[in-house]
């Protein structure tokens, strides 16, 4: 039988993979995908605990997290397109527009 601890373990593994990807990758799109993976692992935790505790609070949080993640993906993609048009690259090391 699958318990809440199984869901928590899968969520921890997904979050760890996302963190590893954010810290080691240089491609900005891959970094955004890893951030999305981390957000989805948090969503899995909220849903599993919400189901386990018999409360709807976790599902409400997931709804808001998904809304923010969709907005973040749209803004992030727009920024990446803008950076690519200006610099012809989306490497994080090449994006130094904030420097003088």
N, C-alpha and C. Protein backbone atom coordinates (compact mmCIF):
# COMPACT_ATOMS: atom_id res chain seq x y z
N UNK A 1 0.83 -1.18 0.00
CA UNK A 1 0.00 0.00 0.00
C UNK A 1 0.88 1.25 0.00
N UNK A 2 0.50 2.22 -0.79
CA UNK A 2 1.26 3.46 -0.88
C UNK A 2 0.76 4.42 0.19
N UNK A 3 1.71 4.90 1.00
CA UNK A 3 1.36 5.82 2.09
C UNK A 3 1.85 7.22 1.75
N UNK A 4 1.58 8.14 2.66
CA UNK A 4 2.00 9.53 2.47
C UNK A 4 3.52 9.63 2.48
N UNK A 5 4.19 8.71 3.16
CA UNK A 5 5.65 8.74 3.22
C UNK A 5 6.28 8.45 1.86
N UNK A 6 5.63 7.63 1.07
CA UNK A 6 6.11 7.37 -0.28
C UNK A 6 6.05 8.64 -1.14
N UNK A 7 4.94 9.34 -1.02
CA UNK A 7 4.80 10.60 -1.76
C UNK A 7 5.83 11.63 -1.29
N UNK A 8 6.08 11.68 -0.01
CA UNK A 8 7.07 12.62 0.52
C UNK A 8 8.47 12.27 0.03
N UNK A 9 8.78 10.98 -0.07
CA UNK A 9 10.09 10.56 -0.56
C UNK A 9 10.26 10.94 -2.04
N UNK A 10 9.23 10.70 -2.84
CA UNK A 10 9.29 11.08 -4.25
C UNK A 10 9.43 12.59 -4.39
N UNK A 11 8.70 13.32 -3.57
CA UNK A 11 8.78 14.77 -3.60
C UNK A 11 10.17 15.26 -3.22
N UNK A 12 10.78 14.65 -2.22
CA UNK A 12 12.13 15.04 -1.81
C UNK A 12 13.15 14.75 -2.91
N UNK A 13 12.98 13.62 -3.58
CA UNK A 13 13.88 13.27 -4.69
C UNK A 13 13.73 14.27 -5.83
N UNK A 14 12.50 14.60 -6.19
CA UNK A 14 12.27 15.58 -7.26
C UNK A 14 12.83 16.95 -6.90
N UNK A 15 12.64 17.36 -5.67
CA UNK A 15 13.16 18.65 -5.24
C UNK A 15 14.68 18.66 -5.27
N UNK A 16 15.29 17.57 -4.86
CA UNK A 16 16.76 17.47 -4.89
C UNK A 16 17.28 17.51 -6.31
N UNK A 17 16.61 16.82 -7.23
CA UNK A 17 17.03 16.86 -8.63
C UNK A 17 16.89 18.27 -9.21
N UNK A 18 15.82 18.96 -8.85
CA UNK A 18 15.63 20.33 -9.31
C UNK A 18 16.70 21.25 -8.76
N UNK A 19 17.03 21.10 -7.49
CA UNK A 19 18.07 21.93 -6.88
C UNK A 19 19.42 21.66 -7.53
N UNK A 20 19.72 20.40 -7.76
CA UNK A 20 20.97 20.03 -8.43
C UNK A 20 21.04 20.64 -9.83
N UNK A 21 19.92 20.61 -10.55
CA UNK A 21 19.89 21.19 -11.89
C UNK A 21 20.07 22.69 -11.88
N UNK A 22 19.47 23.38 -10.92
CA UNK A 22 19.62 24.83 -10.83
C UNK A 22 21.06 25.21 -10.52
N UNK A 23 21.70 24.44 -9.66
CA UNK A 23 23.05 24.78 -9.24
C UNK A 23 24.13 24.39 -10.25
N UNK A 24 23.85 23.45 -11.14
CA UNK A 24 24.91 22.95 -12.03
C UNK A 24 24.75 23.35 -13.49
N UNK A 25 23.58 23.73 -13.93
CA UNK A 25 23.36 24.03 -15.34
C UNK A 25 23.66 25.48 -15.66
N UNK A 26 24.00 25.72 -16.93
CA UNK A 26 24.29 27.08 -17.38
C UNK A 26 23.25 27.59 -18.36
N UNK A 27 22.44 26.70 -18.91
CA UNK A 27 21.41 27.10 -19.85
C UNK A 27 20.21 27.62 -19.07
N UNK A 28 19.78 28.85 -19.39
CA UNK A 28 18.72 29.48 -18.62
C UNK A 28 17.39 28.73 -18.74
N UNK A 29 17.10 28.16 -19.89
CA UNK A 29 15.84 27.42 -20.06
C UNK A 29 15.84 26.17 -19.21
N UNK A 30 16.97 25.49 -19.13
CA UNK A 30 17.07 24.30 -18.28
C UNK A 30 16.92 24.68 -16.81
N UNK A 31 17.47 25.83 -16.43
CA UNK A 31 17.33 26.29 -15.05
C UNK A 31 15.87 26.57 -14.73
N UNK A 32 15.14 27.21 -15.66
CA UNK A 32 13.71 27.44 -15.44
C UNK A 32 12.95 26.12 -15.36
N UNK A 33 13.32 25.13 -16.16
CA UNK A 33 12.66 23.82 -16.08
C UNK A 33 12.93 23.17 -14.73
N UNK A 34 14.14 23.32 -14.20
CA UNK A 34 14.45 22.76 -12.89
C UNK A 34 13.68 23.47 -11.78
N UNK A 35 13.49 24.77 -11.92
CA UNK A 35 12.66 25.50 -10.94
C UNK A 35 11.23 25.00 -10.99
N UNK A 36 10.72 24.74 -12.19
CA UNK A 36 9.37 24.19 -12.33
C UNK A 36 9.28 22.80 -11.68
N UNK A 37 10.34 22.00 -11.82
CA UNK A 37 10.38 20.69 -11.17
C UNK A 37 10.32 20.84 -9.66
N UNK A 38 11.03 21.81 -9.14
CA UNK A 38 11.00 22.05 -7.69
C UNK A 38 9.61 22.49 -7.24
N UNK A 39 8.96 23.36 -8.02
CA UNK A 39 7.60 23.79 -7.67
C UNK A 39 6.62 22.62 -7.70
N UNK A 40 6.78 21.74 -8.68
CA UNK A 40 5.89 20.59 -8.76
C UNK A 40 6.13 19.60 -7.63
N UNK A 41 7.36 19.50 -7.15
CA UNK A 41 7.59 18.62 -6.00
C UNK A 41 6.92 19.18 -4.75
N UNK A 42 6.94 20.50 -4.60
CA UNK A 42 6.22 21.12 -3.48
C UNK A 42 4.72 20.90 -3.63
N UNK A 43 4.22 20.99 -4.85
CA UNK A 43 2.80 20.72 -5.09
C UNK A 43 2.44 19.29 -4.70
N UNK A 44 3.31 18.35 -5.03
CA UNK A 44 3.06 16.95 -4.65
C UNK A 44 3.01 16.81 -3.13
N UNK A 45 3.88 17.50 -2.44
CA UNK A 45 3.87 17.46 -0.97
C UNK A 45 2.57 18.03 -0.42
N UNK A 46 2.16 19.19 -0.95
CA UNK A 46 0.92 19.79 -0.47
C UNK A 46 -0.28 18.87 -0.71
N UNK A 47 -0.36 18.28 -1.89
CA UNK A 47 -1.50 17.40 -2.20
C UNK A 47 -1.48 16.15 -1.33
N UNK A 48 -0.30 15.56 -1.14
CA UNK A 48 -0.21 14.34 -0.33
C UNK A 48 -0.60 14.62 1.12
N UNK A 49 -0.10 15.71 1.67
CA UNK A 49 -0.45 16.03 3.05
C UNK A 49 -1.90 16.47 3.19
N UNK A 50 -2.41 17.15 2.17
CA UNK A 50 -3.81 17.54 2.19
C UNK A 50 -4.70 16.31 2.19
N UNK A 51 -4.36 15.33 1.39
CA UNK A 51 -5.14 14.09 1.34
C UNK A 51 -5.01 13.31 2.65
N UNK A 52 -3.80 13.30 3.19
CA UNK A 52 -3.56 12.55 4.42
C UNK A 52 -4.29 13.17 5.61
N UNK A 53 -4.33 14.49 5.67
CA UNK A 53 -4.97 15.17 6.80
C UNK A 53 -6.46 15.41 6.59
N UNK A 54 -6.95 15.17 5.38
CA UNK A 54 -8.36 15.36 5.10
C UNK A 54 -8.76 16.82 5.02
N UNK A 55 -7.86 17.66 4.57
CA UNK A 55 -8.11 19.09 4.50
C UNK A 55 -7.95 19.56 3.05
N UNK A 56 -8.62 20.64 2.71
CA UNK A 56 -8.52 21.20 1.37
C UNK A 56 -7.49 22.32 1.28
N UNK A 57 -6.85 22.66 2.37
CA UNK A 57 -5.91 23.78 2.39
C UNK A 57 -4.75 23.56 1.43
N UNK A 58 -4.19 22.37 1.38
CA UNK A 58 -3.08 22.08 0.49
C UNK A 58 -3.45 22.23 -0.97
N UNK A 59 -4.66 21.83 -1.32
CA UNK A 59 -5.09 21.95 -2.71
C UNK A 59 -5.30 23.40 -3.10
N UNK A 60 -5.71 24.24 -2.17
CA UNK A 60 -5.84 25.67 -2.45
C UNK A 60 -4.46 26.28 -2.68
N UNK A 61 -3.48 25.89 -1.87
CA UNK A 61 -2.12 26.37 -2.07
C UNK A 61 -1.58 25.94 -3.43
N UNK A 62 -1.87 24.71 -3.82
CA UNK A 62 -1.40 24.21 -5.11
C UNK A 62 -2.00 25.02 -6.25
N UNK A 63 -3.25 25.40 -6.11
CA UNK A 63 -3.87 26.22 -7.15
C UNK A 63 -3.12 27.54 -7.32
N UNK A 64 -2.78 28.19 -6.21
CA UNK A 64 -2.05 29.45 -6.28
C UNK A 64 -0.63 29.26 -6.79
N UNK A 65 0.02 28.18 -6.38
CA UNK A 65 1.38 27.91 -6.85
C UNK A 65 1.38 27.67 -8.36
N UNK A 66 0.39 26.95 -8.86
CA UNK A 66 0.32 26.70 -10.31
C UNK A 66 0.08 27.99 -11.07
N UNK A 67 -0.71 28.89 -10.51
CA UNK A 67 -0.95 30.18 -11.15
C UNK A 67 0.33 31.01 -11.21
N UNK A 68 1.06 31.05 -10.12
CA UNK A 68 2.32 31.79 -10.09
C UNK A 68 3.35 31.13 -11.01
N UNK A 69 3.38 29.81 -11.06
CA UNK A 69 4.32 29.11 -11.93
C UNK A 69 4.03 29.37 -13.40
N UNK A 70 2.78 29.46 -13.76
CA UNK A 70 2.43 29.76 -15.15
C UNK A 70 2.86 31.18 -15.51
N UNK A 71 2.64 32.11 -14.61
CA UNK A 71 3.08 33.49 -14.86
C UNK A 71 4.61 33.56 -14.92
N UNK A 72 5.28 32.83 -14.05
CA UNK A 72 6.74 32.81 -14.06
C UNK A 72 7.27 32.21 -15.35
N UNK A 73 6.64 31.18 -15.84
CA UNK A 73 7.08 30.57 -17.10
C UNK A 73 6.89 31.52 -18.27
N UNK A 74 5.79 32.24 -18.29
CA UNK A 74 5.54 33.18 -19.38
C UNK A 74 6.53 34.34 -19.35
N UNK A 75 6.76 34.91 -18.18
CA UNK A 75 7.71 36.01 -18.05
C UNK A 75 9.14 35.53 -18.32
N UNK A 76 9.47 34.36 -17.80
CA UNK A 76 10.81 33.81 -18.03
C UNK A 76 11.08 33.53 -19.50
N UNK A 77 10.10 32.99 -20.19
CA UNK A 77 10.27 32.73 -21.62
C UNK A 77 10.41 34.03 -22.40
N UNK A 78 9.63 35.05 -22.03
CA UNK A 78 9.76 36.35 -22.69
C UNK A 78 11.14 36.95 -22.45
N UNK A 79 11.67 36.82 -21.25
CA UNK A 79 13.02 37.31 -20.97
C UNK A 79 14.07 36.55 -21.76
N UNK A 80 13.91 35.23 -21.86
CA UNK A 80 14.87 34.44 -22.60
C UNK A 80 14.86 34.80 -24.09
N UNK A 81 13.69 35.03 -24.64
CA UNK A 81 13.60 35.45 -26.05
C UNK A 81 14.28 36.80 -26.24
N UNK A 82 14.07 37.71 -25.30
CA UNK A 82 14.70 39.02 -25.38
C UNK A 82 16.22 38.92 -25.27
N UNK A 83 16.71 38.12 -24.34
CA UNK A 83 18.16 37.93 -24.20
C UNK A 83 18.75 37.29 -25.44
N UNK A 84 18.05 36.32 -25.99
CA UNK A 84 18.57 35.65 -27.18
C UNK A 84 18.63 36.60 -28.37
N UNK A 85 17.65 37.46 -28.50
CA UNK A 85 17.66 38.43 -29.59
C UNK A 85 18.81 39.42 -29.45
N UNK A 86 19.15 39.80 -28.22
CA UNK A 86 20.21 40.77 -28.00
C UNK A 86 21.61 40.15 -28.02
N UNK A 87 21.75 38.99 -27.42
CA UNK A 87 23.08 38.39 -27.23
C UNK A 87 23.34 37.15 -28.06
N UNK A 88 22.35 36.59 -28.71
CA UNK A 88 22.47 35.36 -29.51
C UNK A 88 22.87 34.16 -28.64
N UNK A 89 22.58 34.22 -27.35
CA UNK A 89 22.89 33.13 -26.44
C UNK A 89 21.96 33.22 -25.24
N UNK A 90 21.70 32.07 -24.64
CA UNK A 90 20.91 32.07 -23.41
C UNK A 90 21.70 31.45 -22.25
N UNK A 91 23.02 31.42 -22.40
CA UNK A 91 23.88 30.96 -21.32
C UNK A 91 23.82 31.95 -20.17
N UNK A 92 23.77 31.44 -18.96
CA UNK A 92 23.68 32.31 -17.80
C UNK A 92 24.94 33.16 -17.66
N UNK A 93 26.09 32.60 -18.04
CA UNK A 93 27.33 33.36 -17.95
C UNK A 93 27.36 34.53 -18.93
N UNK A 94 26.66 34.41 -20.05
CA UNK A 94 26.64 35.47 -21.06
C UNK A 94 25.64 36.58 -20.73
N UNK A 95 24.72 36.30 -19.85
CA UNK A 95 23.70 37.29 -19.49
C UNK A 95 24.25 38.16 -18.37
N UNK A 96 24.81 39.28 -18.74
CA UNK A 96 25.36 40.21 -17.76
C UNK A 96 24.84 41.60 -18.02
N UNK A 97 23.56 41.72 -18.27
CA UNK A 97 22.97 43.01 -18.60
C UNK A 97 22.89 43.95 -17.40
N UNK A 98 22.98 43.42 -16.20
CA UNK A 98 22.90 44.27 -15.02
C UNK A 98 24.23 44.90 -14.67
N UNK A 99 25.31 44.46 -15.31
CA UNK A 99 26.62 45.05 -15.08
C UNK A 99 26.79 46.28 -15.94
N UNK A 100 27.63 47.19 -15.51
CA UNK A 100 27.89 48.41 -16.28
C UNK A 100 28.94 48.15 -17.30
